[in-house]
Amino acid sequence: MLHHVIELRFNDDTTDAQVEEMAAGLRGLREQIDTIRSMRMGRDLGLRADNFDFASLLEFDDQAGYLAFRDHPAHQQWVHDHVRPIIAERAGVLFLSP
């Protein structure tokens, strides 16, 4: 299983509506990209000041499944339209588990 973890820090002027629209778009990708095996996401609980604002965990069977997601036009459009305009910083990790 390949795990794709993303953390986002939003711009100061990002609204709750923009975050919800971004998250809804991410959830919608699961219907369009069949290599996504599972998806979890959410806003940070605010228990630490140095945390990122939002995180997502997507799981794929293998590297080919992840690459199909990464390069899928729907994913690319979602990033362009809903992620890049509202983020100040992004961190990501890809790792494998048995």
PDB file of N, CA and C in Angstrom:
ATOM      1  N   MET A   1       0.850  -1.177   0.000  1.00  0.00           N
ATOM      2  CA  MET A   1       0.000   0.000   0.000  1.00  0.00           C
ATOM      3  C   MET A   1       0.891   1.234   0.000  1.00  0.00           C
ATOM      4  N   LEU A   2       0.580   2.193  -0.874  1.00  0.00           N
ATOM      5  CA  LEU A   2       1.299   3.461  -0.925  1.00  0.00           C
ATOM      6  C   LEU A   2       0.424   4.518  -0.268  1.00  0.00           C
ATOM      7  N   HIS A   3       1.001   5.257   0.667  1.00  0.00           N
ATOM      8  CA  HIS A   3       0.297   6.294   1.417  1.00  0.00           C
ATOM      9  C   HIS A   3       0.810   7.663   0.964  1.00  0.00           C
ATOM     10  N   HIS A   4      -0.124   8.553   0.671  1.00  0.00           N
ATOM     11  CA  HIS A   4       0.180   9.904   0.197  1.00  0.00           C
ATOM     12  C   HIS A   4      -0.372  10.885   1.231  1.00  0.00           C
ATOM     13  N   VAL A   5       0.531  11.503   1.988  1.00  0.00           N
ATOM     14  CA  VAL A   5       0.147  12.437   3.041  1.00  0.00           C
ATOM     15  C   VAL A   5       0.474  13.850   2.578  1.00  0.00           C
ATOM     16  N   ILE A   6      -0.508  14.733   2.682  1.00  0.00           N
ATOM     17  CA  ILE A   6      -0.309  16.141   2.330  1.00  0.00           C
ATOM     18  C   ILE A   6      -0.757  16.999   3.509  1.00  0.00           C
ATOM     19  N   GLU A   7       0.050  18.001   3.816  1.00  0.00           N
ATOM     20  CA  GLU A   7      -0.319  19.000   4.823  1.00  0.00           C
ATOM     21  C   GLU A   7      -0.311  20.363   4.141  1.00  0.00           C
ATOM     22  N   LEU A   8      -1.323  21.156   4.447  1.00  0.00           N
ATOM     23  CA  LEU A   8      -1.460  22.485   3.850  1.00  0.00           C
ATOM     24  C   LEU A   8      -1.530  23.546   4.935  1.00  0.00           C
ATOM     25  N   ARG A   9      -0.873  24.647   4.684  1.00  0.00           N
ATOM     26  CA  ARG A   9      -1.017  25.847   5.516  1.00  0.00           C
ATOM     27  C   ARG A   9      -1.677  26.886   4.623  1.00  0.00           C
ATOM     28  N   PHE A  10      -2.801  27.418   5.081  1.00  0.00           N
ATOM     29  CA  PHE A  10      -3.585  28.335   4.265  1.00  0.00           C
ATOM     30  C   PHE A  10      -3.064  29.763   4.349  1.00  0.00           C
ATOM     31  N   ASN A  11      -3.346  30.529   3.301  1.00  0.00           N
ATOM     32  CA  ASN A  11      -3.099  31.963   3.328  1.00  0.00           C
ATOM     33  C   ASN A  11      -3.954  32.575   4.434  1.00  0.00           C
ATOM     34  N   ASP A  12      -3.514  33.691   4.973  1.00  0.00           N
ATOM     35  CA  ASP A  12      -4.243  34.338   6.067  1.00  0.00           C
ATOM     36  C   ASP A  12      -5.667  34.730   5.682  1.00  0.00           C
ATOM     37  N   ASP A  13      -5.891  35.025   4.412  1.00  0.00           N
ATOM     38  CA  ASP A  13      -7.222  35.478   3.989  1.00  0.00           C
ATOM     39  C   ASP A  13      -8.113  34.347   3.469  1.00  0.00           C
ATOM     40  N   THR A  14      -7.697  33.109   3.616  1.00  0.00           N
ATOM     41  CA  THR A  14      -8.497  31.973   3.166  1.00  0.00           C
ATOM     42  C   THR A  14      -9.745  31.847   4.038  1.00  0.00           C
ATOM     43  N   THR A  15     -10.893  31.677   3.390  1.00  0.00           N
ATOM     44  CA  THR A  15     -12.163  31.586   4.117  1.00  0.00           C
ATOM     45  C   THR A  15     -12.534  30.126   4.382  1.00  0.00           C
ATOM     46  N   ASP A  16     -13.428  29.932   5.341  1.00  0.00           N
ATOM     47  CA  ASP A  16     -13.940  28.588   5.622  1.00  0.00           C
ATOM     48  C   ASP A  16     -14.621  28.008   4.389  1.00  0.00           C
ATOM     49  N   ALA A  17     -15.321  28.842   3.640  1.00  0.00           N
ATOM     50  CA  ALA A  17     -15.999  28.375   2.426  1.00  0.00           C
ATOM     51  C   ALA A  17     -14.992  27.862   1.400  1.00  0.00           C
ATOM     52  N   GLN A  18     -13.875  28.531   1.260  1.00  0.00           N
ATOM     53  CA  GLN A  18     -12.843  28.075   0.327  1.00  0.00           C
ATOM     54  C   GLN A  18     -12.269  26.728   0.767  1.00  0.00           C
ATOM     55  N   VAL A  19     -12.063  26.561   2.062  1.00  0.00           N
ATOM     56  CA  VAL A  19     -11.526  25.297   2.575  1.00  0.00           C
ATOM     57  C   VAL A  19     -12.529  24.177   2.322  1.00  0.00           C
ATOM     58  N   GLU A  20     -13.795  24.431   2.583  1.00  0.00           N
ATOM     59  CA  GLU A  20     -14.813  23.398   2.365  1.00  0.00           C
ATOM     60  C   GLU A  20     -14.928  23.059   0.879  1.00  0.00           C
ATOM     61  N   GLU A  21     -14.853  24.057   0.020  1.00  0.00           N
ATOM     62  CA  GLU A  21     -14.901  23.803  -1.421  1.00  0.00           C
ATOM     63  C   GLU A  21     -13.699  22.975  -1.870  1.00  0.00           C
ATOM     64  N   MET A  22     -12.524  23.286  -1.324  1.00  0.00           N
ATOM     65  CA  MET A  22     -11.314  22.530  -1.643  1.00  0.00           C
ATOM     66  C   MET A  22     -11.462  21.079  -1.191  1.00  0.00           C
ATOM     67  N   ALA A  23     -11.956  20.872   0.038  1.00  0.00           N
ATOM     68  CA  ALA A  23     -12.119  19.519   0.571  1.00  0.00           C
ATOM     69  C   ALA A  23     -13.183  18.741  -0.201  1.00  0.00           C
ATOM     70  N   ALA A  24     -14.272  19.397  -0.549  1.00  0.00           N
ATOM     71  CA  ALA A  24     -15.324  18.733  -1.328  1.00  0.00           C
ATOM     72  C   ALA A  24     -14.793  18.306  -2.692  1.00  0.00           C
ATOM     73  N   GLY A  25     -13.965  19.143  -3.283  1.00  0.00           N
ATOM     74  CA  GLY A  25     -13.362  18.785  -4.562  1.00  0.00           C
ATOM     75  C   GLY A  25     -12.448  17.584  -4.437  1.00  0.00           C
ATOM     76  N   LEU A  26     -11.693  17.517  -3.349  1.00  0.00           N
ATOM     77  CA  LEU A  26     -10.834  16.364  -3.113  1.00  0.00           C
ATOM     78  C   LEU A  26     -11.669  15.101  -2.955  1.00  0.00           C
ATOM     79  N   ARG A  27     -12.730  15.183  -2.156  1.00  0.00           N
ATOM     80  CA  ARG A  27     -13.604  14.018  -2.000  1.00  0.00           C
ATOM     81  C   ARG A  27     -14.185  13.585  -3.350  1.00  0.00           C
ATOM     82  N   GLY A  28     -14.512  14.533  -4.193  1.00  0.00           N
ATOM     83  CA  GLY A  28     -15.072  14.233  -5.502  1.00  0.00           C
ATOM     84  C   GLY A  28     -14.109  13.512  -6.433  1.00  0.00           C
ATOM     85  N   LEU A  29     -12.809  13.682  -6.198  1.00  0.00           N
ATOM     86  CA  LEU A  29     -11.831  12.998  -7.045  1.00  0.00           C
ATOM     87  C   LEU A  29     -11.919  11.488  -6.907  1.00  0.00           C
ATOM     88  N   ARG A  30     -12.367  11.029  -5.756  1.00  0.00           N
ATOM     89  CA  ARG A  30     -12.463   9.577  -5.542  1.00  0.00           C
ATOM     90  C   ARG A  30     -13.422   8.943  -6.540  1.00  0.00           C
ATOM     91  N   GLU A  31     -14.445   9.667  -6.931  1.00  0.00           N
ATOM     92  CA  GLU A  31     -15.410   9.157  -7.912  1.00  0.00           C
ATOM     93  C   GLU A  31     -14.850   9.161  -9.327  1.00  0.00           C
ATOM     94  N   GLN A  32     -13.845   9.987  -9.566  1.00  0.00           N
ATOM     95  CA  GLN A  32     -13.294  10.140 -10.902  1.00  0.00           C
ATOM     96  C   GLN A  32     -12.017   9.342 -11.144  1.00  0.00           C
ATOM     97  N   ILE A  33     -11.301   9.030 -10.074  1.00  0.00           N
ATOM     98  CA  ILE A  33      -9.993   8.382 -10.202  1.00  0.00           C
ATOM     99  C   ILE A  33     -10.049   7.065  -9.438  1.00  0.00           C
ATOM    100  N   ASP A  34     -10.143   5.971 -10.176  1.00  0.00           N
ATOM    101  CA  ASP A  34     -10.403   4.678  -9.532  1.00  0.00           C
ATOM    102  C   ASP A  34      -9.200   4.050  -8.848  1.00  0.00           C
ATOM    103  N   THR A  35      -8.039   4.667  -8.922  1.00  0.00           N
ATOM    104  CA  THR A  35      -6.873   4.104  -8.240  1.00  0.00           C
ATOM    105  C   THR A  35      -6.804   4.529  -6.769  1.00  0.00           C
ATOM    106  N   ILE A  36      -7.646   5.483  -6.343  1.00  0.00           N
ATOM    107  CA  ILE A  36      -7.689   5.890  -4.941  1.00  0.00           C
ATOM    108  C   ILE A  36      -8.406   4.788  -4.153  1.00  0.00           C
ATOM    109  N   ARG A  37      -7.713   4.177  -3.202  1.00  0.00           N
ATOM    110  CA  ARG A  37      -8.291   3.090  -2.408  1.00  0.00           C
ATOM    111  C   ARG A  37      -8.986   3.600  -1.154  1.00  0.00           C
ATOM    112  N   SER A  38      -8.418   4.610  -0.527  1.00  0.00           N
ATOM    113  CA  SER A  38      -9.065   5.213   0.631  1.00  0.00           C
ATOM    114  C   SER A  38      -8.613   6.662   0.737  1.00  0.00           C
ATOM    115  N   MET A  39      -9.411   7.424   1.496  1.00  0.00           N
ATOM    116  CA  MET A  39      -9.150   8.855   1.611  1.00  0.00           C
ATOM    117  C   MET A  39      -9.642   9.321   2.980  1.00  0.00           C
ATOM    118  N   ARG A  40      -8.768  10.051   3.653  1.00  0.00           N
ATOM    119  CA  ARG A  40      -9.138  10.693   4.922  1.00  0.00           C
ATOM    120  C   ARG A  40      -8.588  12.110   4.880  1.00  0.00           C
ATOM    121  N   MET A  41      -9.298  13.028   5.519  1.00  0.00           N
ATOM    122  CA  MET A  41      -8.830  14.414   5.521  1.00  0.00           C
ATOM    123  C   MET A  41      -9.487  15.175   6.645  1.00  0.00           C
ATOM    124  N   GLY A  42      -8.912  16.303   6.984  1.00  0.00           N
ATOM    125  CA  GLY A  42      -9.543  17.160   7.966  1.00  0.00           C
ATOM    126  C   GLY A  42      -8.689  18.353   8.331  1.00  0.00           C
ATOM    127  N   ARG A  43      -9.365  19.306   8.978  1.00  0.00           N
ATOM    128  CA  ARG A  43      -8.683  20.499   9.483  1.00  0.00           C
ATOM    129  C   ARG A  43      -7.997  20.170  10.800  1.00  0.00           C
ATOM    130  N   ASP A  44      -6.921  20.868  11.051  1.00  0.00           N
ATOM    131  CA  ASP A  44      -6.188  20.697  12.304  1.00  0.00           C
ATOM    132  C   ASP A  44      -7.067  21.116  13.477  1.00  0.00           C
ATOM    133  N   LEU A  45      -6.916  20.453  14.592  1.00  0.00           N
ATOM    134  CA  LEU A  45      -7.715  20.726  15.784  1.00  0.00           C
ATOM    135  C   LEU A  45      -7.262  21.968  16.551  1.00  0.00           C
ATOM    136  N   GLY A  46      -6.098  22.506  16.193  1.00  0.00           N
ATOM    137  CA  GLY A  46      -5.637  23.730  16.844  1.00  0.00           C
ATOM    138  C   GLY A  46      -4.999  23.525  18.202  1.00  0.00           C
ATOM    139  N   LEU A  47      -4.545  22.313  18.477  1.00  0.00           N
ATOM    140  CA  LEU A  47      -3.939  22.031  19.770  1.00  0.00           C
ATOM    141  C   LEU A  47      -2.463  22.415  19.841  1.00  0.00           C
ATOM    142  N   ARG A  48      -1.874  22.672  18.681  1.00  0.00           N
ATOM    143  CA  ARG A  48      -0.475  23.126  18.599  1.00  0.00           C
ATOM    144  C   ARG A  48      -0.400  24.273  17.608  1.00  0.00           C
ATOM    145  N   ALA A  49       0.255  25.338  17.986  1.00  0.00           N
ATOM    146  CA  ALA A  49       0.340  26.526  17.133  1.00  0.00           C
ATOM    147  C   ALA A  49       1.177  26.296  15.878  1.00  0.00           C
ATOM    148  N   ASP A  50       2.097  25.329  15.917  1.00  0.00           N
ATOM    149  CA  ASP A  50       3.003  25.137  14.787  1.00  0.00           C
ATOM    150  C   ASP A  50       2.522  24.091  13.776  1.00  0.00           C
ATOM    151  N   ASN A  51       1.344  23.542  13.975  1.00  0.00           N
ATOM    152  CA  ASN A  51       0.809  22.563  13.017  1.00  0.00           C
ATOM    153  C   ASN A  51       0.344  23.233  11.732  1.00  0.00           C
ATOM    154  N   PHE A  52       0.246  22.421  10.694  1.00  0.00           N
ATOM    155  CA  PHE A  52      -0.380  22.868   9.458  1.00  0.00           C
ATOM    156  C   PHE A  52      -1.885  22.954   9.691  1.00  0.00           C
ATOM    157  N   ASP A  53      -2.600  23.561   8.745  1.00  0.00           N
ATOM    158  CA  ASP A  53      -4.031  23.811   8.904  1.00  0.00           C
ATOM    159  C   ASP A  53      -4.914  22.648   8.470  1.00  0.00           C
ATOM    160  N   PHE A  54      -4.414  21.820   7.566  1.00  0.00           N
ATOM    161  CA  PHE A  54      -5.251  20.787   6.947  1.00  0.00           C
ATOM    162  C   PHE A  54      -4.343  19.635   6.534  1.00  0.00           C
ATOM    163  N   ALA A  55      -4.867  18.427   6.623  1.00  0.00           N
ATOM    164  CA  ALA A  55      -4.092  17.263   6.180  1.00  0.00           C
ATOM    165  C   ALA A  55      -5.003  16.296   5.442  1.00  0.00           C
ATOM    166  N   SER A  56      -4.399  15.578   4.507  1.00  0.00           N
ATOM    167  CA  SER A  56      -5.117  14.505   3.819  1.00  0.00           C
ATOM    168  C   SER A  56      -4.206  13.288   3.719  1.00  0.00           C
ATOM    169  N   LEU A  57      -4.837  12.122   3.750  1.00  0.00           N
ATOM    170  CA  LEU A  57      -4.150  10.849   3.574  1.00  0.00           C
ATOM    171  C   LEU A  57      -4.910  10.081   2.506  1.00  0.00           C
ATOM    172  N   LEU A  58      -4.251   9.834   1.388  1.00  0.00           N
ATOM    173  CA  LEU A  58      -4.829   9.024   0.323  1.00  0.00           C
ATOM    174  C   LEU A  58      -3.990   7.766   0.200  1.00  0.00           C
ATOM    175  N   GLU A  59      -4.660   6.644  -0.071  1.00  0.00           N
ATOM    176  CA  GLU A  59      -3.959   5.371  -0.186  1.00  0.00           C
ATOM    177  C   GLU A  59      -4.208   4.757  -1.552  1.00  0.00           C
ATOM    178  N   PHE A  60      -3.162   4.142  -2.075  1.00  0.00           N
ATOM    179  CA  PHE A  60      -3.167   3.524  -3.394  1.00  0.00           C
ATOM    180  C   PHE A  60      -2.550   2.138  -3.286  1.00  0.00           C
ATOM    181  N   ASP A  61      -2.903   1.269  -4.218  1.00  0.00           N
ATOM    182  CA  ASP A  61      -2.332  -0.080  -4.205  1.00  0.00           C
ATOM    183  C   ASP A  61      -0.825  -0.059  -4.405  1.00  0.00           C
ATOM    184  N   ASP A  62      -0.363   0.852  -5.246  1.00  0.00           N
ATOM    185  CA  ASP A  62       1.048   0.844  -5.620  1.00  0.00           C
ATOM    186  C   ASP A  62       1.433   2.180  -6.246  1.00  0.00           C
ATOM    187  N   GLN A  63       2.692   2.273  -6.668  1.00  0.00           N
ATOM    188  CA  GLN A  63       3.212   3.496  -7.259  1.00  0.00           C
ATOM    189  C   GLN A  63       2.455   3.855  -8.541  1.00  0.00           C
ATOM    190  N   ALA A  64       2.126   2.878  -9.347  1.00  0.00           N
ATOM    191  CA  ALA A  64       1.400   3.148 -10.589  1.00  0.00           C
ATOM    192  C   ALA A  64       0.039   3.787 -10.297  1.00  0.00           C
ATOM    193  N   GLY A  65      -0.631   3.322  -9.242  1.00  0.00           N
ATOM    194  CA  GLY A  65      -1.913   3.910  -8.864  1.00  0.00           C
ATOM    195  C   GLY A  65      -1.769   5.354  -8.430  1.00  0.00           C
ATOM    196  N   TYR A  66      -0.720   5.640  -7.656  1.00  0.00           N
ATOM    197  CA  TYR A  66      -0.464   7.018  -7.243  1.00  0.00           C
ATOM    198  C   TYR A  66      -0.168   7.897  -8.451  1.00  0.00           C
ATOM    199  N   LEU A  67       0.699   7.411  -9.351  1.00  0.00           N
ATOM    200  CA  LEU A  67       1.064   8.212 -10.516  1.00  0.00           C
ATOM    201  C   LEU A  67      -0.143   8.488 -11.410  1.00  0.00           C
ATOM    202  N   ALA A  68      -1.049   7.526 -11.514  1.00  0.00           N
ATOM    203  CA  ALA A  68      -2.276   7.745 -12.289  1.00  0.00           C
ATOM    204  C   ALA A  68      -3.095   8.868 -11.661  1.00  0.00           C
ATOM    205  N   PHE A  69      -3.158   8.898 -10.325  1.00  0.00           N
ATOM    206  CA  PHE A  69      -3.844   9.974  -9.602  1.00  0.00           C
ATOM    207  C   PHE A  69      -3.125  11.296  -9.809  1.00  0.00           C
ATOM    208  N   ARG A  70      -1.834  11.301  -9.564  1.00  0.00           N
ATOM    209  CA  ARG A  70      -1.046  12.538  -9.648  1.00  0.00           C
ATOM    210  C   ARG A  70      -1.195  13.211 -10.995  1.00  0.00           C
ATOM    211  N   ASP A  71      -1.192  12.420 -12.063  1.00  0.00           N
ATOM    212  CA  ASP A  71      -1.199  12.969 -13.404  1.00  0.00           C
ATOM    213  C   ASP A  71      -2.599  13.092 -14.015  1.00  0.00           C
ATOM    214  N   HIS A  72      -3.608  12.653 -13.298  1.00  0.00           N
ATOM    215  CA  HIS A  72      -4.976  12.677 -13.825  1.00  0.00           C
ATOM    216  C   HIS A  72      -5.418  14.125 -14.048  1.00  0.00           C
ATOM    217  N   PRO A  73      -6.027  14.426 -15.193  1.00  0.00           N
ATOM    218  CA  PRO A  73      -6.465  15.804 -15.473  1.00  0.00           C
ATOM    219  C   PRO A  73      -7.408  16.375 -14.416  1.00  0.00           C
ATOM    220  N   ALA A  74      -8.281  15.563 -13.843  1.00  0.00           N
ATOM    221  CA  ALA A  74      -9.201  16.068 -12.809  1.00  0.00           C
ATOM    222  C   ALA A  74      -8.429  16.500 -11.570  1.00  0.00           C
ATOM    223  N   HIS A  75      -7.400  15.746 -11.198  1.00  0.00           N
ATOM    224  CA  HIS A  75      -6.569  16.116 -10.052  1.00  0.00           C
ATOM    225  C   HIS A  75      -5.803  17.395 -10.344  1.00  0.00           C
ATOM    226  N   GLN A  76      -5.196  17.456 -11.510  1.00  0.00           N
ATOM    227  CA  GLN A  76      -4.440  18.651 -11.888  1.00  0.00           C
ATOM    228  C   GLN A  76      -5.321  19.896 -11.887  1.00  0.00           C
ATOM    229  N   GLN A  77      -6.535  19.774 -12.385  1.00  0.00           N
ATOM    230  CA  GLN A  77      -7.468  20.908 -12.417  1.00  0.00           C
ATOM    231  C   GLN A  77      -7.876  21.316 -11.004  1.00  0.00           C
ATOM    232  N   TRP A  78      -8.128  20.329 -10.142  1.00  0.00           N
ATOM    233  CA  TRP A  78      -8.495  20.612  -8.751  1.00  0.00           C
ATOM    234  C   TRP A  78      -7.373  21.372  -8.040  1.00  0.00           C
ATOM    235  N   VAL A  79      -6.136  20.932  -8.214  1.00  0.00           N
ATOM    236  CA  VAL A  79      -4.997  21.623  -7.601  1.00  0.00           C
ATOM    237  C   VAL A  79      -4.925  23.056  -8.108  1.00  0.00           C
ATOM    238  N   HIS A  80      -5.031  23.221  -9.407  1.00  0.00           N
ATOM    239  CA  HIS A  80      -4.935  24.555 -10.011  1.00  0.00           C
ATOM    240  C   HIS A  80      -6.044  25.486  -9.520  1.00  0.00           C
ATOM    241  N   ASP A  81      -7.273  24.983  -9.471  1.00  0.00           N
ATOM    242  CA  ASP A  81      -8.432  25.820  -9.164  1.00  0.00           C
ATOM    243  C   ASP A  81      -8.688  26.009  -7.667  1.00  0.00           C
ATOM    244  N   HIS A  82      -8.402  24.991  -6.850  1.00  0.00           N
ATOM    245  CA  HIS A  82      -8.858  25.014  -5.461  1.00  0.00           C
ATOM    246  C   HIS A  82      -7.770  24.928  -4.402  1.00  0.00           C
ATOM    247  N   VAL A  83      -6.570  24.524  -4.784  1.00  0.00           N
ATOM    248  CA  VAL A  83      -5.505  24.392  -3.785  1.00  0.00           C
ATOM    249  C   VAL A  83      -4.515  25.550  -3.898  1.00  0.00           C
ATOM    250  N   ARG A  84      -3.916  25.708  -5.046  1.00  0.00           N
ATOM    251  CA  ARG A  84      -2.885  26.748  -5.187  1.00  0.00           C
ATOM    252  C   ARG A  84      -3.359  28.148  -4.785  1.00  0.00           C
ATOM    253  N   PRO A  85      -4.593  28.535  -5.102  1.00  0.00           N
ATOM    254  CA  PRO A  85      -5.012  29.898  -4.739  1.00  0.00           C
ATOM    255  C   PRO A  85      -5.120  30.159  -3.237  1.00  0.00           C
ATOM    256  N   ILE A  86      -5.221  29.113  -2.410  1.00  0.00           N
ATOM    257  CA  ILE A  86      -5.471  29.360  -0.988  1.00  0.00           C
ATOM    258  C   ILE A  86      -4.345  28.903  -0.062  1.00  0.00           C
ATOM    259  N   ILE A  87      -3.259  28.354  -0.606  1.00  0.00           N
ATOM    260  CA  ILE A  87      -2.225  27.842   0.297  1.00  0.00           C
ATOM    261  C   ILE A  87      -0.978  28.715   0.316  1.00  0.00           C
ATOM    262  N   ALA A  88      -0.411  28.796   1.504  1.00  0.00           N
ATOM    263  CA  ALA A  88       0.860  29.474   1.693  1.00  0.00           C
ATOM    264  C   ALA A  88       2.008  28.479   1.680  1.00  0.00           C
ATOM    265  N   GLU A  89       1.699  27.236   2.096  1.00  0.00           N
ATOM    266  CA  GLU A  89       2.753  26.231   2.215  1.00  0.00           C
ATOM    267  C   GLU A  89       2.149  24.839   2.096  1.00  0.00           C
ATOM    268  N   ARG A  90       2.927  23.930   1.529  1.00  0.00           N
ATOM    269  CA  ARG A  90       2.522  22.540   1.362  1.00  0.00           C
ATOM    270  C   ARG A  90       3.666  21.647   1.792  1.00  0.00           C
ATOM    271  N   ALA A  91       3.346  20.551   2.469  1.00  0.00           N
ATOM    272  CA  ALA A  91       4.327  19.521   2.792  1.00  0.00           C
ATOM    273  C   ALA A  91       3.710  18.195   2.395  1.00  0.00           C
ATOM    274  N   GLY A  92       4.539  17.287   1.925  1.00  0.00           N
ATOM    275  CA  GLY A  92       4.027  15.987   1.499  1.00  0.00           C
ATOM    276  C   GLY A  92       4.999  14.875   1.791  1.00  0.00           C
ATOM    277  N   VAL A  93       4.446  13.692   1.961  1.00  0.00           N
ATOM    278  CA  VAL A  93       5.232  12.481   2.165  1.00  0.00           C
ATOM    279  C   VAL A  93       4.535  11.348   1.431  1.00  0.00           C
ATOM    280  N   LEU A  94       5.307  10.535   0.759  1.00  0.00           N
ATOM    281  CA  LEU A  94       4.840   9.283   0.147  1.00  0.00           C
ATOM    282  C   LEU A  94       5.604   8.150   0.816  1.00  0.00           C
ATOM    283  N   PHE A  95       4.880   7.144   1.311  1.00  0.00           N
ATOM    284  CA  PHE A  95       5.590   6.015   1.905  1.00  0.00           C
ATOM    285  C   PHE A  95       4.814   4.733   1.651  1.00  0.00           C
ATOM    286  N   LEU A  96       5.537   3.631   1.712  1.00  0.00           N
ATOM    287  CA  LEU A  96       4.964   2.307   1.485  1.00  0.00           C
ATOM    288  C   LEU A  96       4.807   1.574   2.805  1.00  0.00           C
ATOM    289  N   SER A  97       3.779   0.781   2.879  1.00  0.00           N
ATOM    290  CA  SER A  97       3.619  -0.138   4.007  1.00  0.00           C
ATOM    291  C   SER A  97       3.125  -1.461   3.456  1.00  0.00           C
ATOM    292  N   PRO A  98       3.395  -2.524   4.177  1.00  0.00           N
ATOM    293  CA  PRO A  98       2.971  -3.839   3.681  1.00  0.00           C
ATOM    294  C   PRO A  98       1.442  -3.970   3.661  1.00  0.00           C
TER     295      PRO A  98
END
